[in-house]
């Protein structure tokens, strides 16, 4: 019985640690400007690595033929769900609205922080 209690305690501690690690992970929504001046919006948990992957041709299919790309905007979120919701919202914007967002104009609501 004592062994089962210790196992349960260990499992609980591990679950708490995993939850804390997951909560510490940041989620980014970003906008890239492609070489042909089009804009690409995506999300990631490692912004620098993701931009490098895009520029190596290993990112999204859309950006592969439009290299190099440069980061023009990003927001940070605590959860994947928030980031995906924001990414979807940005993707629905017109180009002119995205440009306003990039240039510091406010469109929609966000819990994120700008680069």
N, C-alpha and C. Protein backbone atom coordinates (compact mmCIF):
# COMPACT_ATOMS: atom_id res chain seq x y z
N UNK A 1 0.82 -1.19 0.00
CA UNK A 1 0.00 0.00 0.00
C UNK A 1 0.86 1.26 0.00
N UNK A 2 1.96 1.25 0.77
CA UNK A 2 2.84 2.41 0.81
C UNK A 2 3.47 2.67 -0.56
N UNK A 3 3.80 1.60 -1.25
CA UNK A 3 4.42 1.73 -2.58
C UNK A 3 3.44 2.41 -3.54
N UNK A 4 2.15 2.02 -3.48
CA UNK A 4 1.15 2.62 -4.35
C UNK A 4 1.00 4.11 -4.04
N UNK A 5 1.02 4.48 -2.77
CA UNK A 5 0.91 5.88 -2.38
C UNK A 5 2.09 6.68 -2.91
N UNK A 6 3.30 6.13 -2.78
CA UNK A 6 4.49 6.81 -3.30
C UNK A 6 4.40 6.98 -4.81
N UNK A 7 3.94 5.94 -5.52
CA UNK A 7 3.79 6.03 -6.97
C UNK A 7 2.78 7.11 -7.36
N UNK A 8 1.68 7.19 -6.62
CA UNK A 8 0.67 8.21 -6.90
C UNK A 8 1.23 9.60 -6.64
N UNK A 9 1.99 9.75 -5.56
CA UNK A 9 2.59 11.04 -5.25
C UNK A 9 3.59 11.44 -6.34
N UNK A 10 4.40 10.49 -6.78
CA UNK A 10 5.36 10.76 -7.84
C UNK A 10 4.65 11.15 -9.13
N UNK A 11 3.60 10.43 -9.46
CA UNK A 11 2.83 10.74 -10.67
C UNK A 11 2.22 12.14 -10.57
N UNK A 12 1.71 12.50 -9.40
CA UNK A 12 1.12 13.83 -9.21
C UNK A 12 2.18 14.92 -9.36
N UNK A 13 3.35 14.70 -8.77
CA UNK A 13 4.44 15.68 -8.89
C UNK A 13 4.87 15.84 -10.34
N UNK A 14 4.98 14.71 -11.05
CA UNK A 14 5.36 14.77 -12.46
C UNK A 14 4.32 15.51 -13.29
N UNK A 15 3.05 15.27 -13.00
CA UNK A 15 1.97 15.94 -13.72
C UNK A 15 2.02 17.45 -13.47
N UNK A 16 2.30 17.84 -12.24
CA UNK A 16 2.40 19.27 -11.90
C UNK A 16 3.58 19.90 -12.63
N UNK A 17 4.72 19.22 -12.66
CA UNK A 17 5.89 19.74 -13.37
C UNK A 17 5.61 19.89 -14.85
N UNK A 18 4.99 18.88 -15.46
CA UNK A 18 4.67 18.94 -16.88
C UNK A 18 3.73 20.09 -17.19
N UNK A 19 2.75 20.30 -16.32
CA UNK A 19 1.81 21.40 -16.51
C UNK A 19 2.53 22.74 -16.42
N UNK A 20 3.44 22.88 -15.46
CA UNK A 20 4.19 24.12 -15.30
C UNK A 20 5.06 24.39 -16.52
N UNK A 21 5.71 23.36 -17.04
CA UNK A 21 6.55 23.51 -18.22
C UNK A 21 5.69 23.92 -19.41
N UNK A 22 4.55 23.29 -19.56
CA UNK A 22 3.65 23.60 -20.67
C UNK A 22 3.17 25.04 -20.57
N UNK A 23 2.86 25.50 -19.37
CA UNK A 23 2.38 26.86 -19.18
C UNK A 23 3.47 27.89 -19.43
N UNK A 24 4.75 27.54 -19.20
CA UNK A 24 5.84 28.46 -19.42
C UNK A 24 6.15 28.64 -20.91
N UNK A 25 5.80 27.66 -21.72
CA UNK A 25 6.08 27.72 -23.14
C UNK A 25 5.29 28.86 -23.76
N UNK A 26 5.98 29.67 -24.55
CA UNK A 26 5.32 30.79 -25.22
C UNK A 26 4.90 30.37 -26.62
N UNK A 27 3.82 30.95 -27.05
CA UNK A 27 3.30 30.69 -28.39
C UNK A 27 3.28 32.01 -29.14
N UNK A 28 3.80 31.99 -30.35
CA UNK A 28 3.93 33.20 -31.14
C UNK A 28 3.06 33.14 -32.38
N UNK A 29 2.43 34.25 -32.70
CA UNK A 29 1.79 34.46 -33.99
C UNK A 29 2.67 35.48 -34.68
N UNK A 30 2.96 35.23 -35.94
CA UNK A 30 3.89 36.11 -36.64
C UNK A 30 3.43 36.40 -38.05
N UNK A 31 3.90 37.52 -38.58
CA UNK A 31 3.67 37.86 -39.98
C UNK A 31 5.03 38.04 -40.63
N UNK A 32 5.19 37.36 -41.76
CA UNK A 32 6.41 37.49 -42.55
C UNK A 32 6.10 38.28 -43.81
N UNK A 33 7.06 39.07 -44.25
CA UNK A 33 6.95 39.68 -45.56
C UNK A 33 7.86 38.89 -46.48
N UNK A 34 7.28 38.37 -47.55
CA UNK A 34 8.03 37.57 -48.51
C UNK A 34 8.76 38.48 -49.49
N UNK A 35 9.69 37.90 -50.24
CA UNK A 35 10.47 38.64 -51.22
C UNK A 35 9.60 39.33 -52.26
N UNK A 36 8.44 38.76 -52.57
CA UNK A 36 7.53 39.36 -53.55
C UNK A 36 6.54 40.34 -52.91
N UNK A 37 6.79 40.72 -51.65
CA UNK A 37 6.01 41.66 -50.82
C UNK A 37 4.68 41.10 -50.31
N UNK A 38 4.37 39.84 -50.58
CA UNK A 38 3.17 39.25 -49.99
C UNK A 38 3.42 39.00 -48.51
N UNK A 39 2.34 38.81 -47.77
CA UNK A 39 2.43 38.59 -46.33
C UNK A 39 1.99 37.17 -46.00
N UNK A 40 2.70 36.55 -45.07
CA UNK A 40 2.38 35.20 -44.61
C UNK A 40 2.22 35.24 -43.10
N UNK A 41 1.15 34.64 -42.60
CA UNK A 41 0.89 34.59 -41.15
C UNK A 41 0.97 33.15 -40.67
N UNK A 42 1.62 32.94 -39.54
CA UNK A 42 1.74 31.61 -38.96
C UNK A 42 1.86 31.68 -37.45
N UNK A 43 2.04 30.52 -36.83
CA UNK A 43 2.26 30.46 -35.37
C UNK A 43 3.35 29.43 -35.08
N UNK A 44 4.01 29.59 -33.95
CA UNK A 44 5.09 28.70 -33.55
C UNK A 44 5.37 28.85 -32.07
N UNK A 45 6.19 27.94 -31.53
CA UNK A 45 6.67 28.08 -30.14
C UNK A 45 8.13 28.49 -30.12
N UNK A 46 8.78 28.54 -31.27
CA UNK A 46 10.19 28.93 -31.37
C UNK A 46 10.34 29.85 -32.57
N UNK A 47 10.19 31.13 -32.34
CA UNK A 47 10.11 32.10 -33.42
C UNK A 47 11.38 32.17 -34.26
N UNK A 48 12.54 32.27 -33.62
CA UNK A 48 13.80 32.36 -34.37
C UNK A 48 14.02 31.14 -35.25
N UNK A 49 13.81 29.97 -34.68
CA UNK A 49 13.98 28.73 -35.44
C UNK A 49 13.01 28.65 -36.61
N UNK A 50 11.78 29.07 -36.38
CA UNK A 50 10.77 28.99 -37.43
C UNK A 50 11.12 29.90 -38.61
N UNK A 51 11.58 31.10 -38.32
CA UNK A 51 11.97 32.01 -39.40
C UNK A 51 13.16 31.44 -40.17
N UNK A 52 14.12 30.88 -39.44
CA UNK A 52 15.26 30.24 -40.10
C UNK A 52 14.79 29.10 -41.00
N UNK A 53 13.85 28.29 -40.51
CA UNK A 53 13.33 27.18 -41.32
C UNK A 53 12.64 27.69 -42.59
N UNK A 54 11.87 28.76 -42.44
CA UNK A 54 11.26 29.36 -43.63
C UNK A 54 12.33 29.75 -44.64
N UNK A 55 13.37 30.43 -44.17
CA UNK A 55 14.41 30.92 -45.08
C UNK A 55 15.30 29.82 -45.64
N UNK A 56 15.26 28.64 -45.02
CA UNK A 56 15.99 27.48 -45.56
C UNK A 56 15.13 26.71 -46.56
N UNK A 57 13.90 27.17 -46.78
CA UNK A 57 13.01 26.48 -47.69
C UNK A 57 12.28 25.31 -47.05
N UNK A 58 12.38 25.20 -45.73
CA UNK A 58 11.76 24.08 -45.02
C UNK A 58 10.53 24.53 -44.24
N UNK A 59 10.05 25.75 -44.51
CA UNK A 59 8.86 26.24 -43.83
C UNK A 59 7.62 25.91 -44.63
N UNK A 60 6.67 26.77 -44.59
CA UNK A 60 5.40 26.56 -45.29
C UNK A 60 5.62 26.54 -46.80
N UNK A 61 4.82 25.77 -47.47
CA UNK A 61 4.90 25.66 -48.93
C UNK A 61 4.77 27.05 -49.58
N UNK A 62 3.90 27.89 -49.00
CA UNK A 62 3.67 29.22 -49.55
C UNK A 62 4.95 30.04 -49.62
N UNK A 63 5.78 29.94 -48.59
CA UNK A 63 6.96 30.81 -48.53
C UNK A 63 8.15 30.26 -49.33
N UNK A 64 8.14 28.98 -49.66
CA UNK A 64 9.30 28.35 -50.31
C UNK A 64 9.71 29.03 -51.60
N UNK A 65 8.76 29.46 -52.38
CA UNK A 65 9.08 30.12 -53.65
C UNK A 65 9.14 31.62 -53.55
N UNK A 66 9.12 32.14 -52.33
CA UNK A 66 9.09 33.59 -52.12
C UNK A 66 10.19 34.04 -51.16
N UNK A 67 11.32 33.37 -51.22
CA UNK A 67 12.42 33.65 -50.30
C UNK A 67 13.29 34.79 -50.81
N UNK A 68 13.95 35.48 -49.89
CA UNK A 68 13.91 35.32 -48.44
C UNK A 68 12.67 35.99 -47.85
N UNK A 69 12.37 35.60 -46.62
CA UNK A 69 11.27 36.23 -45.89
C UNK A 69 11.87 37.00 -44.71
N UNK A 70 11.13 37.99 -44.25
CA UNK A 70 11.58 38.72 -43.05
C UNK A 70 10.41 38.90 -42.10
N UNK A 71 10.72 38.83 -40.82
CA UNK A 71 9.71 39.00 -39.79
C UNK A 71 9.34 40.48 -39.72
N UNK A 72 8.05 40.77 -39.82
CA UNK A 72 7.60 42.16 -39.72
C UNK A 72 6.67 42.39 -38.53
N UNK A 73 6.18 41.30 -37.91
CA UNK A 73 5.26 41.45 -36.78
C UNK A 73 5.16 40.15 -36.01
N UNK A 74 5.03 40.25 -34.69
CA UNK A 74 4.74 39.06 -33.89
C UNK A 74 4.01 39.44 -32.61
N UNK A 75 3.28 38.49 -32.08
CA UNK A 75 2.60 38.62 -30.80
C UNK A 75 2.88 37.36 -30.00
N UNK A 76 2.90 37.49 -28.68
CA UNK A 76 3.19 36.37 -27.80
C UNK A 76 1.95 36.02 -26.98
N UNK A 77 1.70 34.71 -26.84
CA UNK A 77 0.55 34.22 -26.08
C UNK A 77 0.98 33.13 -25.12
N UNK A 78 0.19 32.93 -24.09
CA UNK A 78 0.48 31.91 -23.09
C UNK A 78 0.02 30.53 -23.52
N UNK A 79 -1.01 30.47 -24.34
CA UNK A 79 -1.53 29.16 -24.74
C UNK A 79 -1.59 29.03 -26.26
N UNK A 80 -1.53 27.79 -26.70
CA UNK A 80 -1.65 27.49 -28.12
C UNK A 80 -3.01 27.92 -28.65
N UNK A 81 -4.04 27.71 -27.86
CA UNK A 81 -5.40 28.04 -28.28
C UNK A 81 -5.53 29.53 -28.56
N UNK A 82 -4.98 30.37 -27.68
CA UNK A 82 -5.03 31.82 -27.90
C UNK A 82 -4.28 32.20 -29.17
N UNK A 83 -3.12 31.61 -29.35
CA UNK A 83 -2.30 31.92 -30.53
C UNK A 83 -3.01 31.50 -31.81
N UNK A 84 -3.59 30.32 -31.83
CA UNK A 84 -4.28 29.85 -33.03
C UNK A 84 -5.51 30.70 -33.33
N UNK A 85 -6.20 31.12 -32.29
CA UNK A 85 -7.36 31.99 -32.48
C UNK A 85 -6.93 33.32 -33.10
N UNK A 86 -5.83 33.87 -32.60
CA UNK A 86 -5.32 35.14 -33.13
C UNK A 86 -4.81 34.97 -34.56
N UNK A 87 -4.10 33.87 -34.82
CA UNK A 87 -3.61 33.60 -36.18
C UNK A 87 -4.79 33.58 -37.15
N UNK A 88 -5.84 32.89 -36.79
CA UNK A 88 -7.03 32.80 -37.64
C UNK A 88 -7.61 34.19 -37.89
N UNK A 89 -7.67 34.99 -36.83
CA UNK A 89 -8.20 36.35 -36.97
C UNK A 89 -7.36 37.21 -37.91
N UNK A 90 -6.05 37.10 -37.79
CA UNK A 90 -5.16 37.88 -38.65
C UNK A 90 -5.29 37.41 -40.09
N UNK A 91 -5.37 36.12 -40.30
CA UNK A 91 -5.49 35.59 -41.67
C UNK A 91 -6.77 36.07 -42.35
N UNK A 92 -7.79 36.40 -41.59
CA UNK A 92 -9.04 36.89 -42.17
C UNK A 92 -8.97 38.37 -42.54
N UNK A 93 -7.96 39.09 -42.07
CA UNK A 93 -7.83 40.52 -42.35
C UNK A 93 -7.45 40.75 -43.81
N UNK A 94 -7.86 41.91 -44.32
CA UNK A 94 -7.41 42.33 -45.64
C UNK A 94 -5.95 42.76 -45.53
N UNK A 95 -5.25 42.78 -46.65
CA UNK A 95 -3.84 43.18 -46.65
C UNK A 95 -3.66 44.56 -46.01
N UNK A 96 -4.53 45.49 -46.35
CA UNK A 96 -4.42 46.85 -45.81
C UNK A 96 -4.56 46.85 -44.28
N UNK A 97 -5.42 45.98 -43.76
CA UNK A 97 -5.59 45.89 -42.32
C UNK A 97 -4.36 45.25 -41.66
N UNK A 98 -3.77 44.28 -42.34
CA UNK A 98 -2.53 43.66 -41.83
C UNK A 98 -1.41 44.70 -41.80
N UNK A 99 -1.34 45.53 -42.83
CA UNK A 99 -0.30 46.57 -42.88
C UNK A 99 -0.47 47.56 -41.73
N UNK A 100 -1.73 47.92 -41.42
CA UNK A 100 -1.99 48.80 -40.28
C UNK A 100 -1.52 48.15 -38.99
N UNK A 101 -1.79 46.86 -38.84
CA UNK A 101 -1.36 46.12 -37.65
C UNK A 101 0.16 46.14 -37.55
N UNK A 102 0.83 45.86 -38.66
CA UNK A 102 2.29 45.84 -38.71
C UNK A 102 2.87 47.21 -38.36
N UNK A 103 2.21 48.26 -38.83
CA UNK A 103 2.71 49.62 -38.63
C UNK A 103 2.27 50.24 -37.31
N UNK A 104 1.66 49.44 -36.45
CA UNK A 104 1.31 49.93 -35.11
C UNK A 104 -0.13 50.32 -34.93
N UNK A 105 -0.91 50.23 -35.98
CA UNK A 105 -2.33 50.50 -35.85
C UNK A 105 -2.99 49.33 -35.16
N UNK A 106 -4.08 49.59 -34.49
CA UNK A 106 -4.74 48.52 -33.76
C UNK A 106 -5.90 47.98 -34.58
N UNK A 107 -5.99 46.67 -34.68
CA UNK A 107 -7.13 46.04 -35.33
C UNK A 107 -7.48 44.78 -34.56
N UNK A 108 -8.69 44.69 -34.11
CA UNK A 108 -9.10 43.53 -33.33
C UNK A 108 -8.54 43.61 -31.92
N UNK A 109 -8.70 42.54 -31.17
CA UNK A 109 -8.20 42.50 -29.80
C UNK A 109 -7.09 41.47 -29.71
N UNK A 110 -6.19 41.71 -28.79
CA UNK A 110 -5.06 40.81 -28.64
C UNK A 110 -4.54 40.87 -27.22
N UNK A 111 -4.12 39.72 -26.72
CA UNK A 111 -3.43 39.65 -25.44
C UNK A 111 -1.93 39.61 -25.66
N UNK A 112 -1.54 39.66 -26.90
CA UNK A 112 -0.13 39.48 -27.25
C UNK A 112 0.67 40.76 -27.15
N UNK A 113 1.95 40.61 -27.31
CA UNK A 113 2.85 41.76 -27.32
C UNK A 113 3.53 41.84 -28.67
N UNK A 114 3.71 43.02 -29.15
CA UNK A 114 4.29 43.25 -30.47
C UNK A 114 5.80 43.18 -30.40
N UNK A 115 6.45 42.83 -31.53
CA UNK A 115 7.92 42.79 -31.55
C UNK A 115 8.46 44.19 -31.52
